[in-house]
Amino acid sequence: MRNLLTVVAALIWSLQMQAAELQGVGLFQTLNKPWFLTALYTAPVGTESHESASAVAPQRLEFKVVEEKISAYRFRQLWQEAFAVVHSDDVWTTHAADLNAFFDLVKGPLQANDHLIVEHDGDAAVVTLNYREHARLSSAFLPLLVSTLTARIAPIPELKAGLMGELPATEAKSLLLQYDRGEPSLRRIAETARWLRQHITVQASAAADRQAAQVSSL
């Protein structure tokens, strides 16, 4: 029954995802080593008044792991390196709370076919891992990630070209086919869902520590 519910949840999620349009798919790689297939979705043309398709705000940024394993440390390091190319230290400091929450949701190595999504949802950016919501961050977080990967001087030019839909048709089609094939197993979905419970436990412990500290200071 649990497996059936997971499949149904994935199907419902897939239908919800169709509300946005795919702008492009690219390969997040460093030194010719691929880490993620990355897809950028924007609002359907016509849903944003007085804006061209290229000016519409991003709706969703997806990552599918292609490396066998990516440690939590390496995941953070990849983003630190990307930010260092595009932004000053002040930008990292300004968004430190969102960035730390983003990195902290990875409680163990990411594995091939893990599916990480950052999606616009009203006044928040919702982060899901393998179809389970793991964090709600500020609405500025999704545009921050997209602007980092698609900056004028981009940290990974080939990835920028893919996300902007500028790759040759044959290459873009090959990446999209590879992207569509990769899905986490039911066992893996259950495993990463347990990370969420670990996160809640840590939050509860931290809250208890803060409360105890306040009581002791009285």
N, C-alpha and C. Protein backbone atom coordinates (compact mmCIF):
# COMPACT_ATOMS: atom_id res chain seq x y z
N MET A 1 0.83 -1.20 0.00
CA MET A 1 0.00 0.00 0.00
C MET A 1 0.87 1.27 0.00
N ARG A 2 1.96 1.24 0.79
CA ARG A 2 2.84 2.40 0.85
C ARG A 2 3.46 2.68 -0.52
N ASN A 3 3.88 1.61 -1.23
CA ASN A 3 4.46 1.79 -2.55
C ASN A 3 3.44 2.36 -3.53
N LEU A 4 2.19 1.90 -3.44
CA LEU A 4 1.14 2.40 -4.32
C LEU A 4 0.90 3.88 -4.09
N LEU A 5 0.86 4.28 -2.82
CA LEU A 5 0.66 5.69 -2.50
C LEU A 5 1.80 6.55 -3.04
N THR A 6 3.02 6.02 -2.99
CA THR A 6 4.17 6.76 -3.51
C THR A 6 4.06 6.96 -5.01
N VAL A 7 3.63 5.90 -5.73
CA VAL A 7 3.46 6.00 -7.18
C VAL A 7 2.38 7.01 -7.52
N VAL A 8 1.26 6.97 -6.79
CA VAL A 8 0.17 7.91 -7.03
C VAL A 8 0.65 9.34 -6.78
N ALA A 9 1.41 9.54 -5.71
CA ALA A 9 1.93 10.88 -5.41
C ALA A 9 2.83 11.38 -6.54
N ALA A 10 3.65 10.48 -7.08
CA ALA A 10 4.54 10.86 -8.19
C ALA A 10 3.74 11.24 -9.43
N LEU A 11 2.65 10.53 -9.70
CA LEU A 11 1.82 10.83 -10.86
C LEU A 11 1.13 12.18 -10.69
N ILE A 12 0.61 12.43 -9.50
CA ILE A 12 -0.03 13.72 -9.24
C ILE A 12 0.97 14.85 -9.40
N TRP A 13 2.18 14.64 -8.88
CA TRP A 13 3.25 15.65 -9.02
C TRP A 13 3.55 15.91 -10.48
N SER A 14 3.59 14.83 -11.29
CA SER A 14 3.89 14.97 -12.72
C SER A 14 2.83 15.83 -13.41
N LEU A 15 1.56 15.64 -13.06
CA LEU A 15 0.49 16.43 -13.65
C LEU A 15 0.60 17.89 -13.26
N GLN A 16 0.96 18.14 -12.02
CA GLN A 16 1.14 19.52 -11.56
C GLN A 16 2.28 20.21 -12.30
N MET A 17 3.32 19.45 -12.61
CA MET A 17 4.49 20.02 -13.27
C MET A 17 4.18 20.51 -14.68
N GLN A 18 3.10 19.98 -15.29
CA GLN A 18 2.77 20.34 -16.66
C GLN A 18 2.25 21.77 -16.76
N ALA A 19 1.99 22.42 -15.62
CA ALA A 19 1.52 23.80 -15.62
C ALA A 19 2.60 24.77 -16.07
N ALA A 20 3.85 24.35 -16.07
CA ALA A 20 4.96 25.19 -16.52
C ALA A 20 5.53 24.61 -17.81
N GLU A 21 6.23 25.45 -18.56
CA GLU A 21 6.79 25.03 -19.84
C GLU A 21 8.31 24.89 -19.74
N LEU A 22 8.81 23.85 -20.35
CA LEU A 22 10.25 23.61 -20.36
C LEU A 22 10.94 24.64 -21.24
N GLN A 23 11.92 25.34 -20.67
CA GLN A 23 12.71 26.28 -21.46
C GLN A 23 13.97 25.62 -22.01
N GLY A 24 14.58 24.73 -21.20
CA GLY A 24 15.78 24.07 -21.70
C GLY A 24 16.34 23.09 -20.70
N VAL A 25 17.20 22.20 -21.20
CA VAL A 25 17.88 21.19 -20.38
C VAL A 25 19.37 21.29 -20.64
N GLY A 26 20.16 21.23 -19.58
CA GLY A 26 21.61 21.30 -19.73
C GLY A 26 22.31 20.38 -18.75
N LEU A 27 23.60 20.25 -18.92
CA LEU A 27 24.41 19.36 -18.09
C LEU A 27 25.25 20.19 -17.13
N PHE A 28 25.05 19.99 -15.85
CA PHE A 28 25.84 20.63 -14.80
C PHE A 28 27.09 19.79 -14.61
N GLN A 29 28.22 20.29 -15.13
CA GLN A 29 29.46 19.53 -15.05
C GLN A 29 30.62 20.47 -14.77
N THR A 30 31.66 19.92 -14.14
CA THR A 30 32.89 20.67 -13.88
C THR A 30 34.07 19.81 -14.30
N LEU A 31 35.00 20.42 -15.02
CA LEU A 31 36.19 19.70 -15.50
C LEU A 31 35.79 18.42 -16.23
N ASN A 32 34.76 18.54 -17.08
CA ASN A 32 34.25 17.43 -17.89
C ASN A 32 33.67 16.28 -17.08
N LYS A 33 33.39 16.53 -15.81
CA LYS A 33 32.75 15.52 -14.97
C LYS A 33 31.30 15.91 -14.75
N PRO A 34 30.34 15.14 -15.26
CA PRO A 34 28.93 15.49 -15.09
C PRO A 34 28.42 15.16 -13.70
N TRP A 35 27.60 16.07 -13.15
CA TRP A 35 27.00 15.88 -11.84
C TRP A 35 25.48 15.76 -11.92
N PHE A 36 24.86 16.70 -12.63
CA PHE A 36 23.40 16.73 -12.73
C PHE A 36 22.97 17.00 -14.17
N LEU A 37 21.82 16.47 -14.55
CA LEU A 37 21.06 17.00 -15.66
C LEU A 37 20.12 18.04 -15.05
N THR A 38 20.05 19.21 -15.65
CA THR A 38 19.32 20.33 -15.07
C THR A 38 18.30 20.85 -16.06
N ALA A 39 17.08 21.08 -15.59
CA ALA A 39 16.01 21.57 -16.45
C ALA A 39 15.41 22.84 -15.86
N LEU A 40 15.14 23.81 -16.73
CA LEU A 40 14.53 25.07 -16.32
C LEU A 40 13.15 25.19 -16.94
N TYR A 41 12.16 25.47 -16.09
CA TYR A 41 10.78 25.66 -16.54
C TYR A 41 10.36 27.10 -16.25
N THR A 42 9.57 27.67 -17.15
CA THR A 42 9.02 29.01 -16.97
C THR A 42 7.50 28.94 -17.10
N ALA A 43 6.83 30.05 -16.76
CA ALA A 43 5.37 30.09 -16.88
C ALA A 43 4.99 30.00 -18.36
N PRO A 44 3.86 29.35 -18.67
CA PRO A 44 3.41 29.27 -20.06
C PRO A 44 3.24 30.65 -20.67
N VAL A 45 3.54 30.79 -21.94
CA VAL A 45 3.39 32.07 -22.62
C VAL A 45 1.94 32.53 -22.53
N GLY A 46 1.76 33.80 -22.14
CA GLY A 46 0.41 34.33 -22.03
C GLY A 46 -0.09 34.42 -20.61
N THR A 47 0.58 33.73 -19.67
CA THR A 47 0.13 33.79 -18.27
C THR A 47 0.71 34.98 -17.55
N GLU A 48 1.74 35.59 -18.12
CA GLU A 48 2.33 36.79 -17.54
C GLU A 48 2.09 37.95 -18.50
N SER A 49 1.30 38.91 -18.10
CA SER A 49 0.97 40.01 -19.00
C SER A 49 2.16 40.93 -19.21
N HIS A 50 2.22 41.48 -20.44
CA HIS A 50 3.23 42.48 -20.80
C HIS A 50 4.66 41.96 -20.67
N GLU A 51 4.85 40.64 -20.78
CA GLU A 51 6.20 40.10 -20.70
C GLU A 51 6.41 39.11 -21.83
N SER A 52 7.58 39.16 -22.44
CA SER A 52 7.91 38.17 -23.45
C SER A 52 8.26 36.87 -22.77
N ALA A 53 8.33 35.79 -23.56
CA ALA A 53 8.64 34.48 -22.98
C ALA A 53 10.00 34.50 -22.29
N SER A 54 10.96 35.22 -22.88
CA SER A 54 12.31 35.23 -22.31
C SER A 54 12.38 36.03 -21.02
N ALA A 55 11.38 36.91 -20.79
CA ALA A 55 11.41 37.75 -19.59
C ALA A 55 10.61 37.16 -18.44
N VAL A 56 9.86 36.09 -18.71
CA VAL A 56 9.01 35.51 -17.67
C VAL A 56 9.89 34.92 -16.57
N ALA A 57 9.47 35.13 -15.33
CA ALA A 57 10.23 34.63 -14.18
C ALA A 57 10.25 33.10 -14.18
N PRO A 58 11.33 32.52 -13.70
CA PRO A 58 11.40 31.05 -13.64
C PRO A 58 10.35 30.49 -12.70
N GLN A 59 9.81 29.33 -13.05
CA GLN A 59 8.83 28.66 -12.22
C GLN A 59 9.42 27.46 -11.48
N ARG A 60 10.39 26.82 -12.12
CA ARG A 60 10.93 25.60 -11.51
C ARG A 60 12.31 25.29 -12.09
N LEU A 61 13.20 24.83 -11.21
CA LEU A 61 14.53 24.39 -11.60
C LEU A 61 14.71 22.98 -11.06
N GLU A 62 15.01 22.04 -11.95
CA GLU A 62 15.11 20.63 -11.56
C GLU A 62 16.52 20.11 -11.78
N PHE A 63 16.91 19.20 -10.90
CA PHE A 63 18.21 18.54 -11.00
C PHE A 63 18.00 17.04 -10.88
N LYS A 64 18.57 16.29 -11.81
CA LYS A 64 18.59 14.83 -11.70
C LYS A 64 20.05 14.38 -11.67
N VAL A 65 20.39 13.65 -10.62
CA VAL A 65 21.78 13.25 -10.41
C VAL A 65 22.19 12.22 -11.46
N VAL A 66 23.35 12.46 -12.09
CA VAL A 66 23.88 11.50 -13.06
C VAL A 66 25.15 10.83 -12.55
N GLU A 67 25.80 11.44 -11.58
CA GLU A 67 26.97 10.82 -10.94
C GLU A 67 26.49 9.71 -10.02
N GLU A 68 27.30 8.68 -9.82
CA GLU A 68 26.90 7.56 -8.96
C GLU A 68 26.57 8.03 -7.56
N LYS A 69 27.43 8.90 -6.99
CA LYS A 69 27.18 9.46 -5.67
C LYS A 69 27.77 10.87 -5.60
N ILE A 70 27.08 11.74 -4.88
CA ILE A 70 27.57 13.09 -4.61
C ILE A 70 27.42 13.33 -3.11
N SER A 71 28.52 13.49 -2.41
CA SER A 71 28.45 13.70 -0.97
C SER A 71 27.82 15.06 -0.66
N ALA A 72 27.31 15.19 0.56
CA ALA A 72 26.74 16.47 0.99
C ALA A 72 27.79 17.58 0.90
N TYR A 73 29.03 17.25 1.26
CA TYR A 73 30.11 18.24 1.19
C TYR A 73 30.35 18.69 -0.25
N ARG A 74 30.37 17.72 -1.17
CA ARG A 74 30.62 18.05 -2.58
C ARG A 74 29.46 18.85 -3.16
N PHE A 75 28.23 18.53 -2.74
CA PHE A 75 27.06 19.27 -3.21
C PHE A 75 27.18 20.74 -2.84
N ARG A 76 27.55 21.01 -1.60
CA ARG A 76 27.75 22.39 -1.17
C ARG A 76 28.89 23.05 -1.94
N GLN A 77 29.97 22.31 -2.11
CA GLN A 77 31.15 22.86 -2.78
C GLN A 77 30.85 23.25 -4.23
N LEU A 78 30.06 22.46 -4.93
CA LEU A 78 29.69 22.78 -6.31
C LEU A 78 29.00 24.13 -6.40
N TRP A 79 28.11 24.40 -5.46
CA TRP A 79 27.40 25.67 -5.46
C TRP A 79 28.30 26.81 -5.01
N GLN A 80 29.17 26.55 -4.07
CA GLN A 80 30.11 27.59 -3.64
C GLN A 80 30.99 28.03 -4.82
N GLU A 81 31.46 27.06 -5.59
CA GLU A 81 32.29 27.38 -6.75
C GLU A 81 31.51 28.16 -7.80
N ALA A 82 30.25 27.79 -8.02
CA ALA A 82 29.43 28.51 -9.00
C ALA A 82 29.18 29.95 -8.55
N PHE A 83 28.86 30.13 -7.27
CA PHE A 83 28.61 31.47 -6.75
C PHE A 83 29.86 32.33 -6.83
N ALA A 84 31.02 31.73 -6.59
CA ALA A 84 32.27 32.48 -6.59
C ALA A 84 32.55 33.11 -7.96
N VAL A 85 32.10 32.46 -9.02
CA VAL A 85 32.31 32.98 -10.38
C VAL A 85 31.43 34.19 -10.64
N VAL A 86 30.21 34.18 -10.09
CA VAL A 86 29.20 35.16 -10.48
C VAL A 86 29.01 36.27 -9.45
N HIS A 87 29.05 35.93 -8.17
CA HIS A 87 28.63 36.87 -7.13
C HIS A 87 29.78 37.26 -6.19
N SER A 88 29.56 38.38 -5.52
CA SER A 88 30.46 38.77 -4.44
C SER A 88 30.09 38.01 -3.18
N ASP A 89 30.96 38.08 -2.18
CA ASP A 89 30.68 37.40 -0.91
C ASP A 89 29.41 37.93 -0.25
N ASP A 90 29.06 39.19 -0.54
CA ASP A 90 27.87 39.78 0.08
C ASP A 90 26.60 39.04 -0.32
N VAL A 91 26.55 38.56 -1.54
CA VAL A 91 25.36 37.84 -2.00
C VAL A 91 25.19 36.55 -1.21
N TRP A 92 26.28 35.82 -1.02
CA TRP A 92 26.22 34.58 -0.23
C TRP A 92 25.76 34.89 1.20
N THR A 93 26.28 35.97 1.77
CA THR A 93 25.91 36.35 3.13
C THR A 93 24.43 36.73 3.22
N THR A 94 23.95 37.48 2.25
CA THR A 94 22.55 37.91 2.24
C THR A 94 21.59 36.74 2.21
N HIS A 95 21.95 35.70 1.46
CA HIS A 95 21.06 34.55 1.28
C HIS A 95 21.52 33.34 2.10
N ALA A 96 22.31 33.60 3.14
CA ALA A 96 22.91 32.50 3.91
C ALA A 96 21.87 31.57 4.52
N ALA A 97 20.77 32.12 5.03
CA ALA A 97 19.75 31.28 5.67
C ALA A 97 19.15 30.30 4.67
N ASP A 98 18.78 30.79 3.49
CA ASP A 98 18.23 29.92 2.45
C ASP A 98 19.25 28.89 1.99
N LEU A 99 20.47 29.33 1.75
CA LEU A 99 21.50 28.43 1.25
C LEU A 99 21.82 27.32 2.26
N ASN A 100 21.93 27.69 3.52
CA ASN A 100 22.22 26.68 4.54
C ASN A 100 21.09 25.67 4.67
N ALA A 101 19.84 26.15 4.59
CA ALA A 101 18.70 25.23 4.65
C ALA A 101 18.70 24.30 3.43
N PHE A 102 19.06 24.83 2.28
CA PHE A 102 19.14 24.05 1.05
C PHE A 102 20.17 22.95 1.17
N PHE A 103 21.35 23.28 1.68
CA PHE A 103 22.40 22.28 1.82
C PHE A 103 22.10 21.28 2.93
N ASP A 104 21.47 21.75 3.99
CA ASP A 104 21.23 20.89 5.15
C ASP A 104 20.19 19.81 4.88
N LEU A 105 19.38 19.97 3.85
CA LEU A 105 18.37 18.93 3.57
C LEU A 105 19.01 17.66 3.02
N VAL A 106 20.27 17.76 2.56
CA VAL A 106 20.99 16.59 2.06
C VAL A 106 21.67 15.91 3.25
N LYS A 107 21.07 14.84 3.74
CA LYS A 107 21.54 14.17 4.95
C LYS A 107 22.49 13.01 4.67
N GLY A 108 22.72 12.74 3.41
CA GLY A 108 23.64 11.67 3.01
C GLY A 108 23.99 11.88 1.57
N PRO A 109 24.77 10.99 0.98
CA PRO A 109 25.14 11.17 -0.42
C PRO A 109 23.92 11.15 -1.34
N LEU A 110 23.87 12.10 -2.27
CA LEU A 110 22.90 12.01 -3.36
C LEU A 110 23.34 10.88 -4.27
N GLN A 111 22.37 10.18 -4.88
CA GLN A 111 22.67 9.04 -5.73
C GLN A 111 22.08 9.24 -7.12
N ALA A 112 22.59 8.49 -8.07
CA ALA A 112 22.12 8.57 -9.45
C ALA A 112 20.61 8.47 -9.50
N ASN A 113 19.99 9.38 -10.26
CA ASN A 113 18.55 9.47 -10.50
C ASN A 113 17.78 10.17 -9.38
N ASP A 114 18.46 10.58 -8.30
CA ASP A 114 17.77 11.42 -7.32
C ASP A 114 17.26 12.67 -8.03
N HIS A 115 16.08 13.12 -7.62
CA HIS A 115 15.38 14.20 -8.31
C HIS A 115 15.14 15.35 -7.33
N LEU A 116 15.87 16.44 -7.53
CA LEU A 116 15.79 17.62 -6.66
C LEU A 116 15.12 18.75 -7.42
N ILE A 117 14.11 19.36 -6.83
CA ILE A 117 13.34 20.42 -7.49
C ILE A 117 13.25 21.64 -6.58
N VAL A 118 13.46 22.83 -7.18
CA VAL A 118 13.19 24.10 -6.50
C VAL A 118 12.11 24.78 -7.32
N GLU A 119 10.96 25.02 -6.69
CA GLU A 119 9.79 25.51 -7.43
C GLU A 119 9.18 26.74 -6.79
N HIS A 120 8.80 27.70 -7.63
CA HIS A 120 8.09 28.89 -7.16
C HIS A 120 6.70 28.51 -6.67
N ASP A 121 6.33 28.99 -5.48
CA ASP A 121 5.00 28.71 -4.94
C ASP A 121 4.55 29.91 -4.12
N GLY A 122 3.92 30.87 -4.79
CA GLY A 122 3.47 32.09 -4.11
C GLY A 122 4.63 32.90 -3.58
N ASP A 123 4.68 33.07 -2.27
CA ASP A 123 5.75 33.87 -1.66
C ASP A 123 6.87 33.00 -1.13
N ALA A 124 7.02 31.79 -1.69
CA ALA A 124 8.06 30.87 -1.22
C ALA A 124 8.65 30.10 -2.39
N ALA A 125 9.80 29.49 -2.12
CA ALA A 125 10.41 28.53 -3.04
C ALA A 125 10.39 27.18 -2.33
N VAL A 126 9.68 26.22 -2.90
CA VAL A 126 9.54 24.91 -2.29
C VAL A 126 10.61 23.98 -2.84
N VAL A 127 11.33 23.31 -1.95
CA VAL A 127 12.37 22.37 -2.35
C VAL A 127 11.88 20.95 -2.08
N THR A 128 11.85 20.13 -3.12
CA THR A 128 11.45 18.74 -2.96
C THR A 128 12.60 17.83 -3.38
N LEU A 129 12.69 16.71 -2.72
CA LEU A 129 13.67 15.69 -3.07
C LEU A 129 12.93 14.37 -3.22
N ASN A 130 12.99 13.82 -4.42
CA ASN A 130 12.31 12.55 -4.71
C ASN A 130 10.84 12.60 -4.29
N TYR A 131 10.17 13.68 -4.73
CA TYR A 131 8.71 13.86 -4.60
C TYR A 131 8.23 14.18 -3.19
N ARG A 132 9.13 14.48 -2.27
CA ARG A 132 8.73 14.87 -0.93
C ARG A 132 9.25 16.27 -0.64
N GLU A 133 8.38 17.12 -0.09
CA GLU A 133 8.81 18.47 0.26
C GLU A 133 9.74 18.42 1.46
N HIS A 134 10.91 19.07 1.32
CA HIS A 134 11.90 19.08 2.40
C HIS A 134 12.16 20.47 2.97
N ALA A 135 11.80 21.52 2.23
CA ALA A 135 12.07 22.87 2.74
C ALA A 135 11.21 23.89 2.01
N ARG A 136 10.91 24.97 2.72
CA ARG A 136 10.28 26.15 2.12
C ARG A 136 11.19 27.34 2.37
N LEU A 137 11.69 27.91 1.30
CA LEU A 137 12.65 29.00 1.40
C LEU A 137 12.01 30.28 0.87
N SER A 138 12.75 31.38 0.90
CA SER A 138 12.20 32.65 0.45
C SER A 138 11.97 32.63 -1.06
N SER A 139 11.07 33.49 -1.51
CA SER A 139 10.74 33.54 -2.94
C SER A 139 11.92 33.99 -3.79
N ALA A 140 12.93 34.60 -3.16
CA ALA A 140 14.11 35.06 -3.91
C ALA A 140 15.07 33.92 -4.24
N PHE A 141 14.88 32.75 -3.63
CA PHE A 141 15.88 31.70 -3.77
C PHE A 141 15.93 31.11 -5.18
N LEU A 142 14.77 30.83 -5.77
CA LEU A 142 14.77 30.26 -7.13
C LEU A 142 15.39 31.22 -8.14
N PRO A 143 14.99 32.51 -8.19
CA PRO A 143 15.66 33.43 -9.11
C PRO A 143 17.16 33.54 -8.86
N LEU A 144 17.56 33.41 -7.60
CA LEU A 144 18.99 33.46 -7.28
C LEU A 144 19.75 32.32 -7.95
N LEU A 145 19.23 31.09 -7.83
CA LEU A 145 19.89 29.95 -8.45
C LEU A 145 19.92 30.08 -9.97
N VAL A 146 18.78 30.49 -10.54
CA VAL A 146 18.71 30.60 -12.00
C VAL A 146 19.65 31.69 -12.51
N SER A 147 19.67 32.83 -11.83
CA SER A 147 20.56 33.92 -12.27
C SER A 147 22.02 33.53 -12.14
N THR A 148 22.34 32.69 -11.17
CA THR A 148 23.72 32.22 -11.00
C THR A 148 24.14 31.33 -12.17
N LEU A 149 23.27 30.42 -12.56
CA LEU A 149 23.61 29.47 -13.63
C LEU A 149 23.52 30.08 -15.03
N THR A 150 22.78 31.19 -15.16
CA THR A 150 22.60 31.79 -16.49
C THR A 150 23.18 33.19 -16.58
N ALA A 151 24.10 33.53 -15.69
CA ALA A 151 24.72 34.86 -15.69
C ALA A 151 25.46 35.12 -17.00
N ARG A 152 25.72 36.38 -17.26
CA ARG A 152 26.43 36.75 -18.50
C ARG A 152 27.77 36.01 -18.58
N ILE A 153 28.50 36.03 -17.49
CA ILE A 153 29.71 35.20 -17.38
C ILE A 153 29.32 34.02 -16.50
N ALA A 154 28.83 32.97 -17.12
CA ALA A 154 28.25 31.84 -16.40
C ALA A 154 29.34 30.91 -15.88
N PRO A 155 29.12 30.28 -14.73
CA PRO A 155 30.11 29.34 -14.20
C PRO A 155 30.29 28.11 -15.08
N ILE A 156 29.22 27.73 -15.80
CA ILE A 156 29.27 26.58 -16.71
C ILE A 156 28.57 27.00 -18.00
N PRO A 157 29.30 27.54 -18.98
CA PRO A 157 28.67 28.08 -20.19
C PRO A 157 27.78 27.07 -20.93
N GLU A 158 28.20 25.80 -20.97
CA GLU A 158 27.39 24.80 -21.67
C GLU A 158 26.05 24.59 -20.97
N LEU A 159 26.06 24.65 -19.65
CA LEU A 159 24.82 24.52 -18.89
C LEU A 159 23.90 25.71 -19.17
N LYS A 160 24.48 26.91 -19.17
CA LYS A 160 23.69 28.10 -19.49
C LYS A 160 23.02 27.96 -20.86
N ALA A 161 23.78 27.52 -21.85
CA ALA A 161 23.22 27.37 -23.19
C ALA A 161 22.05 26.39 -23.19
N GLY A 162 22.19 25.30 -22.43
CA GLY A 162 21.12 24.33 -22.36
C GLY A 162 19.88 24.89 -21.69
N LEU A 163 20.04 25.58 -20.58
CA LEU A 163 18.90 26.12 -19.85
C LEU A 163 18.19 27.21 -20.63
N MET A 164 18.93 27.93 -21.47
CA MET A 164 18.34 28.99 -22.27
C MET A 164 17.78 28.48 -23.59
N GLY A 165 17.87 27.16 -23.82
CA GLY A 165 17.35 26.58 -25.06
C GLY A 165 18.18 26.90 -26.28
N GLU A 166 19.49 27.06 -26.09
CA GLU A 166 20.37 27.49 -27.17
C GLU A 166 21.28 26.38 -27.70
N LEU A 167 21.10 25.14 -27.23
CA LEU A 167 21.91 24.03 -27.73
C LEU A 167 21.41 23.58 -29.09
N PRO A 168 22.27 22.95 -29.91
CA PRO A 168 21.80 22.36 -31.16
C PRO A 168 20.67 21.37 -30.89
N ALA A 169 19.75 21.26 -31.82
CA ALA A 169 18.54 20.46 -31.61
C ALA A 169 18.86 19.01 -31.26
N THR A 170 19.84 18.43 -31.92
CA THR A 170 20.16 17.02 -31.67
C THR A 170 20.72 16.83 -30.26
N GLU A 171 21.56 17.75 -29.82
CA GLU A 171 22.12 17.65 -28.47
C GLU A 171 21.04 17.86 -27.42
N ALA A 172 20.18 18.84 -27.63
CA ALA A 172 19.09 19.11 -26.69
C ALA A 172 18.15 17.91 -26.59
N LYS A 173 17.86 17.27 -27.72
CA LYS A 173 16.97 16.10 -27.72
C LYS A 173 17.60 14.95 -26.96
N SER A 174 18.90 14.73 -27.14
CA SER A 174 19.60 13.66 -26.46
C SER A 174 19.57 13.87 -24.94
N LEU A 175 19.81 15.11 -24.50
CA LEU A 175 19.79 15.42 -23.07
C LEU A 175 18.39 15.22 -22.49
N LEU A 176 17.37 15.64 -23.25
CA LEU A 176 16.00 15.52 -22.77
C LEU A 176 15.59 14.06 -22.64
N LEU A 177 16.00 13.22 -23.58
CA LEU A 177 15.69 11.80 -23.50
C LEU A 177 16.37 11.18 -22.28
N GLN A 178 17.63 11.57 -22.05
CA GLN A 178 18.34 11.07 -20.88
C GLN A 178 17.68 11.55 -19.60
N TYR A 179 17.23 12.79 -19.61
CA TYR A 179 16.58 13.36 -18.44
C TYR A 179 15.29 12.62 -18.10
N ASP A 180 14.50 12.33 -19.11
CA ASP A 180 13.21 11.68 -18.89
C ASP A 180 13.35 10.24 -18.42
N ARG A 181 14.46 9.59 -18.73
CA ARG A 181 14.64 8.19 -18.36
C ARG A 181 14.99 8.02 -16.88
N GLY A 182 15.65 8.99 -16.29
CA GLY A 182 16.16 8.82 -14.92
C GLY A 182 15.11 9.08 -13.86
N GLU A 183 14.77 8.07 -13.08
CA GLU A 183 13.81 8.22 -11.98
C GLU A 183 14.33 7.44 -10.76
N PRO A 184 14.11 7.98 -9.56
CA PRO A 184 14.53 7.26 -8.35
C PRO A 184 13.64 6.03 -8.13
N SER A 185 14.21 4.99 -7.56
CA SER A 185 13.44 3.79 -7.24
C SER A 185 12.54 4.07 -6.03
N LEU A 186 11.53 3.23 -5.83
CA LEU A 186 10.66 3.38 -4.67
C LEU A 186 11.45 3.24 -3.37
N ARG A 187 12.41 2.35 -3.38
CA ARG A 187 13.25 2.16 -2.20
C ARG A 187 14.04 3.43 -1.90
N ARG A 188 14.56 4.07 -2.94
CA ARG A 188 15.33 5.29 -2.74
C ARG A 188 14.43 6.44 -2.28
N ILE A 189 13.22 6.51 -2.81
CA ILE A 189 12.27 7.54 -2.38
C ILE A 189 12.00 7.42 -0.89
N ALA A 190 11.80 6.18 -0.43
CA ALA A 190 11.56 5.95 1.00
C ALA A 190 12.79 6.33 1.83
N GLU A 191 13.98 6.05 1.29
CA GLU A 191 15.22 6.34 2.02
C GLU A 191 15.41 7.83 2.22
N THR A 192 15.22 8.62 1.16
CA THR A 192 15.40 10.07 1.30
C THR A 192 14.26 10.71 2.08
N ALA A 193 13.09 10.05 2.10
CA ALA A 193 11.99 10.56 2.93
C ALA A 193 12.38 10.52 4.40
N ARG A 194 13.19 9.56 4.78
CA ARG A 194 13.65 9.48 6.18
C ARG A 194 14.57 10.64 6.53
N TRP A 195 15.24 11.23 5.53
CA TRP A 195 16.04 12.42 5.80
C TRP A 195 15.16 13.54 6.34
N LEU A 196 13.93 13.60 5.85
CA LEU A 196 13.01 14.65 6.30
C LEU A 196 12.71 14.48 7.77
N ARG A 197 12.52 13.25 8.22
CA ARG A 197 12.26 13.01 9.64
C ARG A 197 13.48 13.38 10.48
N GLN A 198 14.68 13.12 9.94
CA GLN A 198 15.89 13.51 10.65
C GLN A 198 15.95 15.03 10.81
N HIS A 199 15.54 15.72 9.75
CA HIS A 199 15.56 17.18 9.78
C HIS A 199 14.60 17.71 10.83
N ILE A 200 13.41 17.12 10.91
CA ILE A 200 12.42 17.54 11.89
C ILE A 200 12.92 17.28 13.31
N THR A 201 13.58 16.13 13.50
CA THR A 201 14.13 15.79 14.82
C THR A 201 15.19 16.80 15.25
N VAL A 202 16.06 17.18 14.31
CA VAL A 202 17.11 18.16 14.60
C VAL A 202 16.49 19.51 14.96
N GLN A 203 15.46 19.91 14.18
CA GLN A 203 14.79 21.18 14.47
C GLN A 203 14.15 21.17 15.86
N ALA A 204 13.49 20.07 16.20
CA ALA A 204 12.85 19.96 17.51
C ALA A 204 13.88 20.03 18.62
N SER A 205 15.02 19.36 18.43
CA SER A 205 16.08 19.38 19.43
C SER A 205 16.65 20.78 19.61
N ALA A 206 16.84 21.48 18.49
CA ALA A 206 17.37 22.85 18.55
C ALA A 206 16.39 23.77 19.27
N ALA A 207 15.09 23.59 18.99
CA ALA A 207 14.07 24.40 19.64
C ALA A 207 14.05 24.14 21.14
N ALA A 208 14.21 22.88 21.53
CA ALA A 208 14.24 22.53 22.95
C ALA A 208 15.45 23.15 23.63
N ASP A 209 16.60 23.13 22.93
CA ASP A 209 17.81 23.73 23.49
C ASP A 209 17.63 25.24 23.70
N ARG A 210 17.00 25.90 22.71
CA ARG A 210 16.77 27.34 22.84
C ARG A 210 15.85 27.64 24.01
N GLN A 211 14.79 26.82 24.15
CA GLN A 211 13.85 27.03 25.25
C GLN A 211 14.52 26.83 26.60
N ALA A 212 15.37 25.78 26.70
CA ALA A 212 16.07 25.52 27.95
C ALA A 212 17.01 26.67 28.30
N ALA A 213 17.66 27.23 27.27
CA ALA A 213 18.57 28.35 27.50
C ALA A 213 17.83 29.57 27.99
N GLN A 214 16.62 29.78 27.45
CA GLN A 214 15.82 30.93 27.88
C GLN A 214 15.37 30.77 29.33
N VAL A 215 14.97 29.55 29.70
CA VAL A 215 14.52 29.27 31.06
C VAL A 215 15.66 29.47 32.06
N SER A 216 16.85 28.98 31.69
CA SER A 216 18.00 29.09 32.60
C SER A 216 18.44 30.52 32.81
N SER A 217 18.12 31.39 31.85
CA SER A 217 18.54 32.78 31.97
C SER A 217 17.57 33.59 32.81
N LEU A 218 16.41 33.01 33.13
CA LEU A 218 15.43 33.75 33.93
C LEU A 218 15.84 33.82 35.41
